[in-house]
Protein backbone atom coordinates (compact mmCIF):
# COMPACT_ATOMS: atom_id res chain seq x y z
CA UNK A 1 101.53 84.12 111.06
CA UNK A 2 98.83 81.84 112.40
CA UNK A 3 95.22 82.86 112.85
CA UNK A 4 94.34 84.99 115.86
CA UNK A 5 91.14 84.08 117.69
CA UNK A 6 89.14 86.74 119.49
CA UNK A 7 86.11 86.04 121.64
CA UNK A 8 83.62 87.49 124.04
CA UNK A 9 81.96 85.37 126.69
CA UNK A 10 79.07 86.42 128.85
CA UNK A 11 75.43 86.23 129.80
CA UNK A 12 72.13 87.99 129.59
CA UNK A 13 71.38 89.77 132.86
CA UNK A 14 68.09 91.33 131.73
CA UNK A 15 65.98 91.61 128.59
CA UNK A 16 68.30 94.34 127.27
CA UNK A 17 71.54 93.97 129.23
CA UNK A 18 74.46 91.68 128.39
CA UNK A 19 77.59 91.39 130.52
CA UNK A 20 80.65 89.82 129.01
CA UNK A 21 84.40 89.61 129.08
CA UNK A 22 86.92 89.91 126.29
CA UNK A 23 90.36 88.91 127.56
CA UNK A 24 90.61 90.79 130.90
CA UNK A 25 88.06 93.48 129.96
CA UNK A 26 84.47 93.72 131.14
CA UNK A 27 81.99 94.73 128.48
CA UNK A 28 78.42 95.76 129.23
CA UNK A 29 75.78 96.22 126.55
CA UNK A 30 72.39 97.84 127.14
CA UNK A 31 69.77 99.73 125.21
CA UNK A 32 68.50 103.30 125.66
CA UNK A 33 65.07 103.72 127.30
CA UNK A 34 63.39 104.28 123.92
CA UNK A 35 64.32 100.65 123.11
CA UNK A 36 63.36 99.29 126.54
CA UNK A 37 66.74 99.46 128.24
CA UNK A 38 68.16 101.11 131.33
CA UNK A 39 70.75 103.14 129.36
CA UNK A 40 73.53 101.69 131.54
CA UNK A 41 75.95 101.16 128.63
CA UNK A 42 76.37 101.62 124.90
CA UNK A 43 74.08 99.48 122.77
CA UNK A 44 75.22 96.79 120.30
CA UNK A 45 75.24 99.02 117.24
CA UNK A 46 77.17 101.73 119.09
CA UNK A 47 79.80 99.09 119.84
CA UNK A 48 79.98 98.35 116.11
CA UNK A 49 80.65 102.04 115.47
CA UNK A 50 83.25 102.19 118.26
CA UNK A 51 84.94 99.05 116.97
CA UNK A 52 85.07 100.48 113.46
CA UNK A 53 86.49 103.81 114.64
CA UNK A 54 89.04 102.07 116.85
CA UNK A 55 90.11 99.77 114.04
CA UNK A 56 90.49 102.67 111.61
CA UNK A 57 92.63 104.47 114.19
CA UNK A 58 94.98 101.50 114.61
CA UNK A 59 95.31 100.85 110.88
CA UNK A 60 95.84 104.53 110.04
CA UNK A 61 98.74 104.61 112.47
CA UNK A 62 100.26 101.31 111.28
CA UNK A 63 100.10 102.27 107.61
CA UNK A 64 101.29 105.83 108.23
CA UNK A 65 104.36 104.47 109.97
CA UNK A 66 105.02 102.09 107.06
CA UNK A 67 104.72 104.99 104.60
CA UNK A 68 106.86 107.28 106.79
CA UNK A 69 103.96 109.69 107.30
CA UNK A 70 103.53 111.66 110.51
CA UNK A 71 99.93 112.00 111.65
CA UNK A 72 99.46 115.36 113.35
CA UNK A 73 95.75 114.91 113.99
CA UNK A 74 93.26 112.10 113.44
CA UNK A 75 89.62 112.47 114.47
CA UNK A 76 87.20 109.71 113.55
CA UNK A 77 83.43 110.15 113.91
CA UNK A 78 81.08 107.49 112.56
CA UNK A 79 77.30 107.52 112.42
CA UNK A 80 74.51 105.70 110.67
CA UNK A 81 70.75 105.35 110.66
CA UNK A 82 68.77 102.28 111.64
CA UNK A 83 65.05 101.82 111.16
CA UNK A 84 64.05 99.94 114.35
CA UNK A 85 60.82 98.53 112.86
CA UNK A 86 62.32 95.19 111.79
CA UNK A 87 64.27 94.81 115.04
CA UNK A 88 61.05 95.46 117.00
CA UNK A 89 58.96 93.14 114.80
CA UNK A 90 56.76 95.95 113.45
CA UNK A 91 57.70 95.63 109.77
CA UNK A 92 59.82 93.55 107.40
CA UNK A 93 60.20 96.30 104.79
CA UNK A 94 63.75 97.36 105.61
CA UNK A 95 66.85 95.62 106.88
CA UNK A 96 67.47 95.45 110.62
CA UNK A 97 70.96 96.91 110.45
CA UNK A 98 72.44 100.22 109.45
CA UNK A 99 71.11 101.66 106.19
CA UNK A 100 74.62 103.04 105.60
CA UNK A 101 77.51 104.39 107.62
CA UNK A 102 79.17 107.79 107.40
CA UNK A 103 82.81 107.80 108.46
CA UNK A 104 83.91 111.40 109.00
CA UNK A 105 87.69 111.43 109.19
CA UNK A 106 89.67 114.56 109.96
CA UNK A 107 93.24 113.78 108.99
CA UNK A 108 96.21 116.11 109.18
CA UNK A 109 99.58 114.74 108.09
CA UNK A 110 102.93 115.87 106.77
CA UNK A 111 102.35 113.92 103.53
CA UNK A 112 101.69 115.12 100.01
CA UNK A 113 98.14 114.81 98.70
CA UNK A 114 99.11 111.75 96.63
CA UNK A 115 100.79 109.99 99.54
CA UNK A 116 97.85 110.80 101.83
CA UNK A 117 95.47 109.27 99.26
CA UNK A 118 97.64 106.13 99.22
CA UNK A 119 97.42 106.02 103.02
CA UNK A 120 93.61 106.24 102.89
CA UNK A 121 93.38 103.54 100.21
CA UNK A 122 95.61 101.15 102.16
CA UNK A 123 93.68 101.78 105.39
CA UNK A 124 90.39 100.92 103.67
CA UNK A 125 91.95 97.73 102.26
CA UNK A 126 93.56 96.58 105.50
CA UNK A 127 91.08 97.50 108.26
CA UNK A 128 89.56 94.19 109.50
CA UNK A 129 86.33 95.84 110.70
CA UNK A 130 85.95 97.62 107.36
CA UNK A 131 86.35 94.23 105.68
CA UNK A 132 83.67 92.67 107.92
CA UNK A 133 81.26 95.52 107.25
CA UNK A 134 81.74 95.44 103.47
CA UNK A 135 81.77 91.67 102.94
CA UNK A 136 79.53 88.86 104.13
CA UNK A 137 81.03 86.92 107.03
CA UNK A 138 79.71 83.42 107.69
CA UNK A 139 78.21 83.07 111.16
CA UNK A 140 77.85 79.60 112.67
CA UNK A 141 75.27 79.28 115.46
CA UNK A 142 75.97 76.55 118.00
CA UNK A 143 73.11 76.13 120.46
CA UNK A 144 73.43 74.16 123.69
CA UNK A 145 71.02 73.57 126.56
CA UNK A 146 72.22 74.39 130.03
C-alpha cells in the first residue's frame, strides 16, 4: 500500500484561535481564558489527547476483529500534566509538552486474559499516534511570505 498523506490547512484568526480544515471537516483550536483564549474550542494539547484516544479506539477494534475478540465495552480516558512556564516564556527548566500521559482504558471482552494481553500489546505496537508520541518524528518547517 502506498503512503497516505494527511493534512490540515488553515489560518490564525486571533492570538489564540486557529481555524482549519482537514478533508471536509472544520477544526477550531483555542485556549482557555487562563492561557489568554476565548475558550471557544479545545486547545492544541487537548486535540493531541483526543487524537490519541480516537486512534486507540480504531486500532483496538481492528486488532480485536483480527483476533476474533468481541469488545463489549471500551472506554478510553487520557490525561497529562503540562507546566505552562516554558510555553509562556517564564522558565526553561521543564519541557513545554506533557510531562507524561496516563491512558486509562476500561476494556471488557469475551477473550481470555492471555488473548486480551495480546490484543493490548498489538494495539500499542500498531497505533500510529502512540508511535508518534513515543518516537521522535522529524518536522520540516517551510516558511513563505504572503
